[in-house]
Amino acid sequence: MADTRIKSEISGNVWKILKAPGEAVAEEEPVMILESMKMEIPVMAPRDGVVASITVAEGDTVAEDQVVATLKG
């Protein structure tokens, strides 16, 4: 299975990163939380897997559809 890219669904700021590379995640488990217009929006894992990389840092601004993390295939 190929690596899976996790994308931001909104434009906003990375408020909190909840998982680190090497950590296992379950489908629909939050990987990070974004903040936009004073709302917290979780970025969920699309499937079970292991975090391969996090491509943003807390405090970064992200755009809609920007890749923020990858899961190992």
C-alpha atoms as a PDB file:
ATOM      1  CA  MET A   1       0.000   0.000   0.000  1.00  0.00           C
ATOM      2  CA  ALA A   2       1.308   3.458  -0.885  1.00  0.00           C
ATOM      3  CA  ASP A   3       1.830   6.222   1.637  1.00  0.00           C
ATOM      4  CA  THR A   4      -1.293   8.256   2.381  1.00  0.00           C
ATOM      5  CA  ARG A   5      -1.136  12.037   2.446  1.00  0.00           C
ATOM      6  CA  ILE A   6      -3.194  13.814   5.092  1.00  0.00           C
ATOM      7  CA  LYS A   7      -4.422  17.224   3.952  1.00  0.00           C
ATOM      8  CA  SER A   8      -5.876  20.214   5.723  1.00  0.00           C
ATOM      9  CA  GLU A   9      -9.558  20.708   4.960  1.00  0.00           C
ATOM     10  CA  ILE A  10      -9.393  24.413   5.807  1.00  0.00           C
ATOM     11  CA  SER A  11      -7.039  27.371   5.888  1.00  0.00           C
ATOM     12  CA  GLY A  12      -5.877  28.170   9.399  1.00  0.00           C
ATOM     13  CA  ASN A  13      -3.099  27.814  11.939  1.00  0.00           C
ATOM     14  CA  VAL A  14      -1.633  24.627  13.402  1.00  0.00           C
ATOM     15  CA  TRP A  15      -2.665  24.880  17.038  1.00  0.00           C
ATOM     16  CA  LYS A  16      -1.514  21.504  18.424  1.00  0.00           C
ATOM     17  CA  ILE A  17       0.223  18.450  16.942  1.00  0.00           C
ATOM     18  CA  LEU A  18      -1.035  15.310  18.675  1.00  0.00           C
ATOM     19  CA  LYS A  19       1.001  12.579  16.945  1.00  0.00           C
ATOM     20  CA  ALA A  20       4.697  12.242  16.087  1.00  0.00           C
ATOM     21  CA  PRO A  21       6.425  10.255  13.336  1.00  0.00           C
ATOM     22  CA  GLY A  22       6.524   6.577  14.266  1.00  0.00           C
ATOM     23  CA  GLU A  23       3.305   6.667  16.285  1.00  0.00           C
ATOM     24  CA  ALA A  24       0.372   4.471  15.324  1.00  0.00           C
ATOM     25  CA  VAL A  25      -3.003   6.063  14.582  1.00  0.00           C
ATOM     26  CA  ALA A  26      -6.456   4.605  14.075  1.00  0.00           C
ATOM     27  CA  GLU A  27      -8.865   5.654  11.343  1.00  0.00           C
ATOM     28  CA  GLU A  28     -10.618   8.913  12.336  1.00  0.00           C
ATOM     29  CA  GLU A  29      -8.149   9.551  15.191  1.00  0.00           C
ATOM     30  CA  PRO A  30      -6.963  13.188  15.337  1.00  0.00           C
ATOM     31  CA  VAL A  31      -3.384  13.782  14.207  1.00  0.00           C
ATOM     32  CA  MET A  32      -3.389  17.539  14.880  1.00  0.00           C
ATOM     33  CA  ILE A  33      -5.736  20.406  15.628  1.00  0.00           C
ATOM     34  CA  LEU A  34      -6.041  23.489  13.467  1.00  0.00           C
ATOM     35  CA  GLU A  35      -7.448  26.833  14.581  1.00  0.00           C
ATOM     36  CA  SER A  36      -9.496  29.001  12.259  1.00  0.00           C
ATOM     37  CA  MET A  37     -11.765  31.890  13.225  1.00  0.00           C
ATOM     38  CA  LYS A  38     -11.432  30.924  16.924  1.00  0.00           C
ATOM     39  CA  MET A  39     -12.667  27.385  16.207  1.00  0.00           C
ATOM     40  CA  GLU A  40     -10.642  24.203  16.739  1.00  0.00           C
ATOM     41  CA  ILE A  41     -10.788  21.776  13.820  1.00  0.00           C
ATOM     42  CA  PRO A  42      -9.234  18.299  14.190  1.00  0.00           C
ATOM     43  CA  VAL A  43      -7.311  16.790  11.266  1.00  0.00           C
ATOM     44  CA  MET A  44      -8.207  13.094  11.290  1.00  0.00           C
ATOM     45  CA  ALA A  45      -6.300  10.074  10.015  1.00  0.00           C
ATOM     46  CA  PRO A  46      -8.114   8.702   6.943  1.00  0.00           C
ATOM     47  CA  ARG A  47      -7.136   5.105   7.819  1.00  0.00           C
ATOM     48  CA  ASP A  48      -5.224   3.036  10.360  1.00  0.00           C
ATOM     49  CA  GLY A  49      -1.473   3.396  10.013  1.00  0.00           C
ATOM     50  CA  VAL A  50       1.787   4.759  11.336  1.00  0.00           C
ATOM     51  CA  VAL A  51       2.701   8.427  11.004  1.00  0.00           C
ATOM     52  CA  ALA A  52       5.569   8.676   8.514  1.00  0.00           C
ATOM     53  CA  SER A  53       6.018  12.445   8.684  1.00  0.00           C
ATOM     54  CA  ILE A  54       4.541  15.676   9.953  1.00  0.00           C
ATOM     55  CA  THR A  55       5.207  18.449   7.433  1.00  0.00           C
ATOM     56  CA  VAL A  56       4.125  21.423   9.564  1.00  0.00           C
ATOM     57  CA  ALA A  57       4.928  22.792  13.013  1.00  0.00           C
ATOM     58  CA  GLU A  58       2.760  24.274  15.738  1.00  0.00           C
ATOM     59  CA  GLY A  59       2.069  27.906  14.875  1.00  0.00           C
ATOM     60  CA  ASP A  60       2.412  27.395  11.096  1.00  0.00           C
ATOM     61  CA  THR A  61      -0.251  28.739   8.767  1.00  0.00           C
ATOM     62  CA  VAL A  62      -1.720  26.139   6.408  1.00  0.00           C
ATOM     63  CA  ALA A  63      -3.825  26.433   3.270  1.00  0.00           C
ATOM     64  CA  GLU A  64      -6.832  24.342   2.313  1.00  0.00           C
ATOM     65  CA  ASP A  65      -5.691  21.026   0.731  1.00  0.00           C
ATOM     66  CA  GLN A  66      -2.094  21.463   1.983  1.00  0.00           C
ATOM     67  CA  VAL A  67      -0.385  18.188   2.950  1.00  0.00           C
ATOM     68  CA  VAL A  68       0.239  18.325   6.703  1.00  0.00           C
ATOM     69  CA  ALA A  69       1.298  14.710   7.364  1.00  0.00           C
ATOM     70  CA  THR A  70       1.759  11.293   5.746  1.00  0.00           C
ATOM     71  CA  LEU A  71       0.951   7.773   6.906  1.00  0.00           C
ATOM     72  CA  LYS A  72       3.184   4.822   6.038  1.00  0.00           C
ATOM     73  CA  GLY A  73       1.734   2.375   3.548  1.00  0.00           C
END
